[in-house]
Amino acid sequence: MLKNGEINPLNVFDLREVKHLPPHFFVLEIDSNQQVEKNIYQNWIYENLSGRFYIGSTLIKSSEPPYRKIWQKIVAFEISSEASFFALVKDQIKK
């Protein structure tokens, strides 16, 4: 964690943020109308968490008629406890 002054090996080797969504990551949807930018989430994750993560979009089928596929913004974490922590505070992360 950056706040504690500890060096994270994943940060040193630039392996913290993955470029694709692995199937074993825990996925959280982000509201599309939320005006928080991607780098705001990235900064918060780098400062408060220590595991690998993914930020991006995925194609999902809508649950309301007309049933079509839409792009949904997501954040995914390898560690389930980090996903839970982010889910609790994601509405409080602001610019």
Protein backbone atom coordinates (compact mmCIF):
# COMPACT_ATOMS: atom_id res chain seq x y z
CA MET A 1 0.00 0.00 0.00
CA LEU A 2 1.23 3.39 -0.94
CA LYS A 3 -0.08 5.02 2.24
CA ASN A 4 2.04 2.79 4.49
CA GLY A 5 5.26 3.30 2.54
CA GLU A 6 5.53 -0.39 1.67
CA ILE A 7 6.91 -1.41 -1.70
CA ASN A 8 4.55 -3.67 -3.64
CA PRO A 9 6.38 -6.01 -6.07
CA LEU A 10 3.38 -5.91 -8.42
CA ASN A 11 3.82 -2.14 -8.74
CA VAL A 12 7.56 -2.41 -9.35
CA PHE A 13 7.08 -4.82 -12.25
CA ASP A 14 3.94 -3.04 -13.56
CA LEU A 15 1.75 -6.11 -12.99
CA ARG A 16 -0.86 -4.54 -10.75
CA GLU A 17 -3.40 -3.47 -13.36
CA VAL A 18 -4.12 -6.22 -15.87
CA LYS A 19 -5.04 -5.39 -19.46
CA HIS A 20 -7.71 -8.10 -19.83
CA LEU A 21 -10.39 -9.50 -17.52
CA PRO A 22 -9.35 -12.89 -16.10
CA PRO A 23 -12.28 -15.25 -15.38
CA HIS A 24 -11.39 -15.68 -11.69
CA PHE A 25 -11.58 -11.96 -10.82
CA PHE A 26 -14.49 -10.65 -8.73
CA VAL A 27 -16.42 -8.18 -10.89
CA LEU A 28 -18.22 -5.04 -9.69
CA GLU A 29 -20.35 -2.91 -11.99
CA ILE A 30 -19.91 0.85 -11.95
CA ASP A 31 -22.86 3.11 -12.71
CA SER A 32 -22.51 4.50 -16.21
CA ASN A 33 -23.93 7.85 -15.14
CA GLN A 34 -21.37 8.28 -12.36
CA GLN A 35 -19.03 11.12 -13.33
CA VAL A 36 -15.89 9.67 -11.72
CA GLU A 37 -13.10 9.14 -14.20
CA LYS A 38 -11.08 5.95 -14.60
CA ASN A 39 -7.89 7.48 -13.21
CA ILE A 40 -9.70 8.53 -10.01
CA TYR A 41 -10.51 4.85 -9.36
CA GLN A 42 -6.97 3.82 -10.33
CA ASN A 43 -5.39 6.28 -7.90
CA TRP A 44 -7.66 5.18 -5.08
CA ILE A 45 -6.92 1.50 -5.71
CA TYR A 46 -3.15 2.08 -5.88
CA GLU A 47 -3.23 4.00 -2.59
CA ASN A 48 -5.57 1.75 -0.58
CA LEU A 49 -5.33 -1.80 -1.95
CA SER A 50 -2.48 -4.18 -2.81
CA GLY A 51 -3.79 -6.85 -5.20
CA ARG A 52 -4.24 -7.04 -8.95
CA PHE A 53 -7.23 -5.33 -10.57
CA TYR A 54 -8.90 -4.56 -13.90
CA ILE A 55 -10.81 -1.44 -14.93
CA GLY A 56 -12.66 -1.42 -18.21
CA SER A 57 -15.87 -2.39 -19.96
CA THR A 58 -17.60 -5.66 -20.72
CA LEU A 59 -20.51 -6.60 -22.93
CA ILE A 60 -23.62 -7.73 -21.00
CA LYS A 61 -27.19 -8.57 -21.94
CA SER A 62 -29.70 -6.07 -20.61
CA SER A 63 -32.33 -7.38 -18.22
CA GLU A 64 -35.10 -5.13 -19.54
CA PRO A 65 -36.86 -5.17 -22.91
CA PRO A 66 -35.65 -4.72 -25.57
CA TYR A 67 -33.11 -7.36 -24.67
CA ARG A 68 -29.94 -6.15 -26.27
CA LYS A 69 -26.27 -6.20 -25.41
CA ILE A 70 -24.80 -3.10 -23.81
CA TRP A 71 -21.36 -2.05 -22.61
CA GLN A 72 -21.06 -1.90 -18.83
CA LYS A 73 -18.17 -0.25 -16.98
CA ILE A 74 -16.62 -2.62 -14.46
CA VAL A 75 -13.89 -2.88 -11.87
CA ALA A 76 -12.62 -6.37 -11.04
CA PHE A 77 -10.32 -7.60 -8.29
CA GLU A 78 -8.32 -10.77 -7.77
CA ILE A 79 -8.77 -10.67 -3.99
CA SER A 80 -12.38 -10.92 -2.83
CA SER A 81 -11.87 -8.83 0.31
CA GLU A 82 -10.56 -5.95 -1.81
CA ALA A 83 -13.64 -6.20 -4.03
CA SER A 84 -15.85 -6.01 -0.92
CA PHE A 85 -13.95 -3.01 0.43
CA PHE A 86 -14.16 -1.20 -2.91
CA ALA A 87 -17.89 -1.96 -3.17
CA LEU A 88 -18.47 -0.32 0.20
CA VAL A 89 -16.62 2.90 -0.64
CA LYS A 90 -17.05 3.30 -4.42
CA ASP A 91 -19.90 5.79 -4.00
CA GLN A 92 -17.71 7.97 -1.77
CA ILE A 93 -14.77 8.17 -4.19
CA LYS A 94 -14.96 11.60 -5.74
CA LYS A 95 -12.71 13.98 -7.63
